[in-house]
């Protein structure tokens, strides 16, 4: 599935919005383990995903809309089981959605923050169907708003400047827009192996471009 090339931005802006503050010594920063849930509804008819808005007071990614997720806690252990536990916990904390077992999550993608960024995460993205009758809510502290969107509607709102998104969320939505239903998306994910995406940043003068697998130059820079 082809992924459109990202729009070009000045280097500092691109990197800040992707994952944090640039730092000349960022190459030595190890990424923290994290997990995210792309919650789905729509069955065989359509595809909507849940997004939450982070508080404007947050030190990290203030005010942006994201899929529920966060860092793995030490007590959750390591490996796949830890990521699944963290994903379910974050979904409960940020959107009040319960009733999903860690084993029900379907692997979708894995993103590793570029080395040029000082705040780094190794994030595992999982798909999950929304439980019947699930009611979503935010705590008003860490997250201040919540909504269901089709991928196309979210991307259009972002283009209008009404829905601020960071790079990983934007690129995931572009991928999700290719699927007509939640069932089709999950069927696709079950057939495909997840390969880590450590997108390199290529600087050309005042322009930064984040390369994705399959794009020209990725294999040389990765």
C-alpha atoms as a PDB file:
ATOM      1  CA  UNK A   1       0.000   0.000   0.000  1.00  0.00           C
ATOM      2  CA  UNK A   2       1.601   3.254  -1.107  1.00  0.00           C
ATOM      3  CA  UNK A   3       1.906   5.993   1.516  1.00  0.00           C
ATOM      4  CA  UNK A   4       1.823   9.618   0.294  1.00  0.00           C
ATOM      5  CA  UNK A   5       5.020  11.563   0.909  1.00  0.00           C
ATOM      6  CA  UNK A   6       4.725  13.901   3.908  1.00  0.00           C
ATOM      7  CA  UNK A   7       4.534  17.631   3.453  1.00  0.00           C
ATOM      8  CA  UNK A   8       7.837  19.396   3.958  1.00  0.00           C
ATOM      9  CA  UNK A   9       8.327  21.664   6.963  1.00  0.00           C
ATOM     10  CA  UNK A  10      11.275  23.485   8.507  1.00  0.00           C
ATOM     11  CA  UNK A  11      13.417  20.959  10.428  1.00  0.00           C
ATOM     12  CA  UNK A  12      12.681  22.247  13.940  1.00  0.00           C
ATOM     13  CA  UNK A  13       8.923  22.266  13.403  1.00  0.00           C
ATOM     14  CA  UNK A  14       8.843  18.793  11.823  1.00  0.00           C
ATOM     15  CA  UNK A  15      10.828  17.224  14.623  1.00  0.00           C
ATOM     16  CA  UNK A  16       9.029  18.998  17.448  1.00  0.00           C
ATOM     17  CA  UNK A  17       5.622  17.961  16.157  1.00  0.00           C
ATOM     18  CA  UNK A  18       6.811  14.397  15.546  1.00  0.00           C
ATOM     19  CA  UNK A  19       7.990  13.620  19.043  1.00  0.00           C
ATOM     20  CA  UNK A  20       9.749  16.305  21.025  1.00  0.00           C
ATOM     21  CA  UNK A  21      12.582  18.788  21.072  1.00  0.00           C
ATOM     22  CA  UNK A  22      15.574  18.503  18.783  1.00  0.00           C
ATOM     23  CA  UNK A  23      18.954  17.935  20.389  1.00  0.00           C
ATOM     24  CA  UNK A  24      22.393  17.639  18.825  1.00  0.00           C
ATOM     25  CA  UNK A  25      23.147  14.689  21.111  1.00  0.00           C
ATOM     26  CA  UNK A  26      19.794  12.940  20.570  1.00  0.00           C
ATOM     27  CA  UNK A  27      21.397  10.009  18.752  1.00  0.00           C
ATOM     28  CA  UNK A  28      22.370   8.540  22.138  1.00  0.00           C
ATOM     29  CA  UNK A  29      18.824   8.619  23.578  1.00  0.00           C
ATOM     30  CA  UNK A  30      17.250   5.173  23.839  1.00  0.00           C
ATOM     31  CA  UNK A  31      13.540   5.059  22.926  1.00  0.00           C
ATOM     32  CA  UNK A  32      11.089   4.321  25.731  1.00  0.00           C
ATOM     33  CA  UNK A  33       8.689   1.422  25.170  1.00  0.00           C
ATOM     34  CA  UNK A  34       5.084   2.512  24.516  1.00  0.00           C
ATOM     35  CA  UNK A  35       1.768   1.165  23.231  1.00  0.00           C
ATOM     36  CA  UNK A  36      -1.236   2.679  21.478  1.00  0.00           C
ATOM     37  CA  UNK A  37      -4.740   1.429  20.671  1.00  0.00           C
ATOM     38  CA  UNK A  38      -6.516   2.304  17.439  1.00  0.00           C
ATOM     39  CA  UNK A  39     -10.073   1.653  18.621  1.00  0.00           C
ATOM     40  CA  UNK A  40     -12.465   0.776  15.793  1.00  0.00           C
ATOM     41  CA  UNK A  41     -16.173   0.698  15.206  1.00  0.00           C
ATOM     42  CA  UNK A  42     -18.250   0.078  12.115  1.00  0.00           C
ATOM     43  CA  UNK A  43     -18.041  -3.693  11.566  1.00  0.00           C
ATOM     44  CA  UNK A  44     -18.544  -4.621   7.917  1.00  0.00           C
ATOM     45  CA  UNK A  45     -20.287  -1.344   7.060  1.00  0.00           C
ATOM     46  CA  UNK A  46     -17.814   1.447   7.738  1.00  0.00           C
ATOM     47  CA  UNK A  47     -14.691   2.394   9.668  1.00  0.00           C
ATOM     48  CA  UNK A  48     -14.431   4.961  12.432  1.00  0.00           C
ATOM     49  CA  UNK A  49     -11.545   5.418  14.846  1.00  0.00           C
ATOM     50  CA  UNK A  50     -11.355   7.009  18.267  1.00  0.00           C
ATOM     51  CA  UNK A  51      -9.132  10.042  18.853  1.00  0.00           C
ATOM     52  CA  UNK A  52      -8.530  11.912  22.102  1.00  0.00           C
ATOM     53  CA  UNK A  53      -7.213  15.444  22.499  1.00  0.00           C
ATOM     54  CA  UNK A  54      -4.310  15.977  24.870  1.00  0.00           C
ATOM     55  CA  UNK A  55      -4.514  18.876  27.289  1.00  0.00           C
ATOM     56  CA  UNK A  56      -2.969  22.164  26.180  1.00  0.00           C
ATOM     57  CA  UNK A  57      -1.039  22.186  29.463  1.00  0.00           C
ATOM     58  CA  UNK A  58       0.882  18.995  28.606  1.00  0.00           C
ATOM     59  CA  UNK A  59       4.666  19.279  28.323  1.00  0.00           C
ATOM     60  CA  UNK A  60       4.685  16.672  25.571  1.00  0.00           C
ATOM     61  CA  UNK A  61       2.500  17.126  22.455  1.00  0.00           C
ATOM     62  CA  UNK A  62       0.092  19.690  23.983  1.00  0.00           C
ATOM     63  CA  UNK A  63      -3.321  20.100  22.402  1.00  0.00           C
ATOM     64  CA  UNK A  64      -2.930  17.497  19.658  1.00  0.00           C
ATOM     65  CA  UNK A  65      -5.345  14.684  18.801  1.00  0.00           C
ATOM     66  CA  UNK A  66      -3.950  11.162  19.136  1.00  0.00           C
ATOM     67  CA  UNK A  67      -4.954   7.542  19.490  1.00  0.00           C
ATOM     68  CA  UNK A  68      -5.123   6.551  23.181  1.00  0.00           C
ATOM     69  CA  UNK A  69      -1.754   5.295  24.371  1.00  0.00           C
ATOM     70  CA  UNK A  70       1.338   5.891  26.429  1.00  0.00           C
ATOM     71  CA  UNK A  71       4.524   4.478  27.899  1.00  0.00           C
ATOM     72  CA  UNK A  72       4.851   0.956  29.305  1.00  0.00           C
ATOM     73  CA  UNK A  73       5.073   0.972  33.114  1.00  0.00           C
ATOM     74  CA  UNK A  74       7.856  -0.978  34.829  1.00  0.00           C
ATOM     75  CA  UNK A  75       5.400  -3.314  36.597  1.00  0.00           C
ATOM     76  CA  UNK A  76       3.953  -4.402  33.244  1.00  0.00           C
ATOM     77  CA  UNK A  77       7.147  -6.240  32.377  1.00  0.00           C
ATOM     78  CA  UNK A  78       8.753  -6.531  28.957  1.00  0.00           C
ATOM     79  CA  UNK A  79       7.993  -7.769  25.474  1.00  0.00           C
ATOM     80  CA  UNK A  80       4.682  -8.262  23.710  1.00  0.00           C
ATOM     81  CA  UNK A  81       2.661  -8.946  26.855  1.00  0.00           C
ATOM     82  CA  UNK A  82       3.856  -5.692  28.433  1.00  0.00           C
ATOM     83  CA  UNK A  83       2.849  -3.684  25.374  1.00  0.00           C
ATOM     84  CA  UNK A  84      -0.591  -5.288  25.361  1.00  0.00           C
ATOM     85  CA  UNK A  85      -1.111  -4.606  29.067  1.00  0.00           C
ATOM     86  CA  UNK A  86      -0.023  -0.993  28.633  1.00  0.00           C
ATOM     87  CA  UNK A  87      -2.300  -0.517  25.620  1.00  0.00           C
ATOM     88  CA  UNK A  88      -5.382  -1.757  27.503  1.00  0.00           C
ATOM     89  CA  UNK A  89      -4.495   0.300  30.584  1.00  0.00           C
ATOM     90  CA  UNK A  90      -3.987   3.505  28.578  1.00  0.00           C
ATOM     91  CA  UNK A  91      -7.285   2.992  26.759  1.00  0.00           C
ATOM     92  CA  UNK A  92      -9.040   2.761  30.117  1.00  0.00           C
ATOM     93  CA  UNK A  93      -7.237   5.767  31.577  1.00  0.00           C
ATOM     94  CA  UNK A  94      -7.587   8.087  28.593  1.00  0.00           C
ATOM     95  CA  UNK A  95     -10.961   7.086  27.141  1.00  0.00           C
ATOM     96  CA  UNK A  96     -12.676   5.071  29.922  1.00  0.00           C
ATOM     97  CA  UNK A  97     -13.066   2.079  27.579  1.00  0.00           C
ATOM     98  CA  UNK A  98     -13.038  -1.277  29.365  1.00  0.00           C
ATOM     99  CA  UNK A  99     -13.831  -4.836  28.421  1.00  0.00           C
ATOM    100  CA  UNK A 100     -10.982  -5.464  25.964  1.00  0.00           C
ATOM    101  CA  UNK A 101      -8.582  -8.281  26.828  1.00  0.00           C
ATOM    102  CA  UNK A 102      -4.901  -7.844  25.929  1.00  0.00           C
ATOM    103  CA  UNK A 103      -5.050 -11.020  23.810  1.00  0.00           C
ATOM    104  CA  UNK A 104      -7.789  -9.489  21.636  1.00  0.00           C
ATOM    105  CA  UNK A 105      -5.513  -6.716  20.369  1.00  0.00           C
ATOM    106  CA  UNK A 106      -4.316  -7.055  16.774  1.00  0.00           C
ATOM    107  CA  UNK A 107      -0.850  -5.804  15.883  1.00  0.00           C
ATOM    108  CA  UNK A 108      -0.938  -3.079  13.228  1.00  0.00           C
ATOM    109  CA  UNK A 109       2.350  -1.155  13.190  1.00  0.00           C
ATOM    110  CA  UNK A 110       5.429  -0.190  15.158  1.00  0.00           C
ATOM    111  CA  UNK A 111       7.008   3.255  15.043  1.00  0.00           C
ATOM    112  CA  UNK A 112      10.380   4.251  16.479  1.00  0.00           C
ATOM    113  CA  UNK A 113      11.046   7.971  16.935  1.00  0.00           C
ATOM    114  CA  UNK A 114      13.908   9.230  14.708  1.00  0.00           C
ATOM    115  CA  UNK A 115      17.365   9.428  16.270  1.00  0.00           C
ATOM    116  CA  UNK A 116      17.406  13.190  15.714  1.00  0.00           C
ATOM    117  CA  UNK A 117      14.732  13.702  18.387  1.00  0.00           C
ATOM    118  CA  UNK A 118      15.550  13.928  22.091  1.00  0.00           C
ATOM    119  CA  UNK A 119      12.221  12.461  23.330  1.00  0.00           C
ATOM    120  CA  UNK A 120      12.041   9.012  21.771  1.00  0.00           C
ATOM    121  CA  UNK A 121       9.496   6.184  21.867  1.00  0.00           C
ATOM    122  CA  UNK A 122       9.314   2.688  20.424  1.00  0.00           C
ATOM    123  CA  UNK A 123       5.538   2.518  20.019  1.00  0.00           C
ATOM    124  CA  UNK A 124       3.506  -0.590  19.201  1.00  0.00           C
ATOM    125  CA  UNK A 125       0.132   0.211  17.599  1.00  0.00           C
ATOM    126  CA  UNK A 126      -2.724  -2.266  18.095  1.00  0.00           C
ATOM    127  CA  UNK A 127      -6.193  -2.492  16.581  1.00  0.00           C
ATOM    128  CA  UNK A 128      -9.204  -3.291  18.758  1.00  0.00           C
ATOM    129  CA  UNK A 129     -12.937  -3.406  18.167  1.00  0.00           C
ATOM    130  CA  UNK A 130     -14.959  -1.187  20.479  1.00  0.00           C
ATOM    131  CA  UNK A 131     -17.019  -3.332  22.879  1.00  0.00           C
ATOM    132  CA  UNK A 132     -20.778  -3.253  22.331  1.00  0.00           C
ATOM    133  CA  UNK A 133     -22.303  -0.360  24.219  1.00  0.00           C
ATOM    134  CA  UNK A 134     -18.936   1.165  25.072  1.00  0.00           C
ATOM    135  CA  UNK A 135     -19.165   4.763  26.251  1.00  0.00           C
ATOM    136  CA  UNK A 136     -16.058   6.853  25.822  1.00  0.00           C
ATOM    137  CA  UNK A 137     -15.132   9.706  28.146  1.00  0.00           C
ATOM    138  CA  UNK A 138     -12.068  11.746  29.058  1.00  0.00           C
ATOM    139  CA  UNK A 139     -10.916  12.788  32.515  1.00  0.00           C
ATOM    140  CA  UNK A 140     -10.514  16.482  31.613  1.00  0.00           C
ATOM    141  CA  UNK A 141      -6.979  16.389  32.973  1.00  0.00           C
ATOM    142  CA  UNK A 142      -4.626  14.471  30.687  1.00  0.00           C
ATOM    143  CA  UNK A 143      -7.171  14.430  27.850  1.00  0.00           C
ATOM    144  CA  UNK A 144      -9.797  17.123  27.327  1.00  0.00           C
ATOM    145  CA  UNK A 145     -11.876  15.953  24.362  1.00  0.00           C
ATOM    146  CA  UNK A 146     -12.734  12.771  22.488  1.00  0.00           C
ATOM    147  CA  UNK A 147     -14.426  11.850  19.229  1.00  0.00           C
ATOM    148  CA  UNK A 148     -15.097   9.214  16.594  1.00  0.00           C
ATOM    149  CA  UNK A 149     -13.841  10.026  13.103  1.00  0.00           C
ATOM    150  CA  UNK A 150     -13.545   8.384   9.732  1.00  0.00           C
ATOM    151  CA  UNK A 151      -9.929   8.591   8.627  1.00  0.00           C
ATOM    152  CA  UNK A 152     -10.912  10.837   5.728  1.00  0.00           C
ATOM    153  CA  UNK A 153     -12.817  13.251   7.951  1.00  0.00           C
ATOM    154  CA  UNK A 154      -9.921  13.489  10.405  1.00  0.00           C
ATOM    155  CA  UNK A 155      -7.441  14.190   7.615  1.00  0.00           C
ATOM    156  CA  UNK A 156      -9.723  16.818   6.088  1.00  0.00           C
ATOM    157  CA  UNK A 157     -10.176  18.534   9.462  1.00  0.00           C
ATOM    158  CA  UNK A 158      -6.402  18.551   9.894  1.00  0.00           C
ATOM    159  CA  UNK A 159      -5.939  20.170   6.484  1.00  0.00           C
ATOM    160  CA  UNK A 160      -8.419  22.893   7.483  1.00  0.00           C
ATOM    161  CA  UNK A 161      -6.460  23.527  10.671  1.00  0.00           C
ATOM    162  CA  UNK A 162      -9.258  22.276  12.941  1.00  0.00           C
ATOM    163  CA  UNK A 163      -7.691  19.033  14.149  1.00  0.00           C
ATOM    164  CA  UNK A 164      -4.001  19.265  15.086  1.00  0.00           C
ATOM    165  CA  UNK A 165      -2.214  15.960  14.455  1.00  0.00           C
ATOM    166  CA  UNK A 166       1.393  14.853  14.892  1.00  0.00           C
ATOM    167  CA  UNK A 167       3.281  12.968  12.205  1.00  0.00           C
ATOM    168  CA  UNK A 168       2.759   9.339  13.350  1.00  0.00           C
ATOM    169  CA  UNK A 169      -0.998   9.852  13.842  1.00  0.00           C
ATOM    170  CA  UNK A 170      -1.263  11.578  10.470  1.00  0.00           C
ATOM    171  CA  UNK A 171       0.515   8.761   8.645  1.00  0.00           C
ATOM    172  CA  UNK A 172      -1.545   6.059  10.388  1.00  0.00           C
ATOM    173  CA  UNK A 173      -4.744   7.827   9.345  1.00  0.00           C
ATOM    174  CA  UNK A 174      -3.518   7.980   5.757  1.00  0.00           C
ATOM    175  CA  UNK A 175      -3.083   4.210   5.849  1.00  0.00           C
ATOM    176  CA  UNK A 176      -6.479   3.640   7.488  1.00  0.00           C
ATOM    177  CA  UNK A 177      -8.206   5.750   4.817  1.00  0.00           C
ATOM    178  CA  UNK A 178      -7.590   2.948   2.305  1.00  0.00           C
ATOM    179  CA  UNK A 179     -10.019   0.608   4.129  1.00  0.00           C
ATOM    180  CA  UNK A 180     -13.768   0.744   3.780  1.00  0.00           C
ATOM    181  CA  UNK A 181     -14.679  -1.072   6.965  1.00  0.00           C
ATOM    182  CA  UNK A 182     -13.343  -2.109  10.345  1.00  0.00           C
ATOM    183  CA  UNK A 183     -13.640  -5.767   9.314  1.00  0.00           C
ATOM    184  CA  UNK A 184     -11.509  -5.209   6.208  1.00  0.00           C
ATOM    185  CA  UNK A 185      -8.830  -3.424   8.222  1.00  0.00           C
ATOM    186  CA  UNK A 186      -8.576  -6.170  10.827  1.00  0.00           C
ATOM    187  CA  UNK A 187      -8.500  -8.876   8.148  1.00  0.00           C
ATOM    188  CA  UNK A 188      -5.611  -7.041   6.479  1.00  0.00           C
ATOM    189  CA  UNK A 189      -3.698  -6.654   9.749  1.00  0.00           C
ATOM    190  CA  UNK A 190      -4.050 -10.349  10.598  1.00  0.00           C
ATOM    191  CA  UNK A 191      -2.412 -11.289   7.286  1.00  0.00           C
ATOM    192  CA  UNK A 192       0.578  -8.975   7.501  1.00  0.00           C
ATOM    193  CA  UNK A 193       3.711  -9.091   9.610  1.00  0.00           C
ATOM    194  CA  UNK A 194       4.507  -5.888  11.507  1.00  0.00           C
ATOM    195  CA  UNK A 195       7.913  -4.444  10.618  1.00  0.00           C
ATOM    196  CA  UNK A 196       9.409  -1.664  12.794  1.00  0.00           C
ATOM    197  CA  UNK A 197       9.442   1.766  11.154  1.00  0.00           C
ATOM    198  CA  UNK A 198      12.459   3.824  12.299  1.00  0.00           C
ATOM    199  CA  UNK A 199      11.959   6.757   9.903  1.00  0.00           C
ATOM    200  CA  UNK A 200      15.190   8.592   9.105  1.00  0.00           C
ATOM    201  CA  UNK A 201      15.138  12.384   8.803  1.00  0.00           C
ATOM    202  CA  UNK A 202      16.799  13.843   5.717  1.00  0.00           C
ATOM    203  CA  UNK A 203      17.752  17.513   5.881  1.00  0.00           C
ATOM    204  CA  UNK A 204      18.164  19.571   2.723  1.00  0.00           C
ATOM    205  CA  UNK A 205      18.888  23.202   3.580  1.00  0.00           C
ATOM    206  CA  UNK A 206      15.886  24.493   5.526  1.00  0.00           C
ATOM    207  CA  UNK A 207      13.658  21.528   4.680  1.00  0.00           C
ATOM    208  CA  UNK A 208      13.273  18.300   6.666  1.00  0.00           C
ATOM    209  CA  UNK A 209      11.716  15.176   5.207  1.00  0.00           C
ATOM    210  CA  UNK A 210      10.861  12.039   7.153  1.00  0.00           C
ATOM    211  CA  UNK A 211      11.242   8.967   4.943  1.00  0.00           C
ATOM    212  CA  UNK A 212       8.992   5.930   5.211  1.00  0.00           C
ATOM    213  CA  UNK A 213       9.595   2.343   4.001  1.00  0.00           C
ATOM    214  CA  UNK A 214       9.105   2.082   0.252  1.00  0.00           C
ATOM    215  CA  UNK A 215       9.948   5.718  -0.438  1.00  0.00           C
ATOM    216  CA  UNK A 216      13.036   6.586  -2.523  1.00  0.00           C
ATOM    217  CA  UNK A 217      16.123   6.870  -0.358  1.00  0.00           C
ATOM    218  CA  UNK A 218      14.735   5.027   2.691  1.00  0.00           C
ATOM    219  CA  UNK A 219      17.034   2.004   2.439  1.00  0.00           C
ATOM    220  CA  UNK A 220      20.097   4.239   2.109  1.00  0.00           C
ATOM    221  CA  UNK A 221      19.227   6.387   5.141  1.00  0.00           C
ATOM    222  CA  UNK A 222      17.693   3.827   7.532  1.00  0.00           C
END
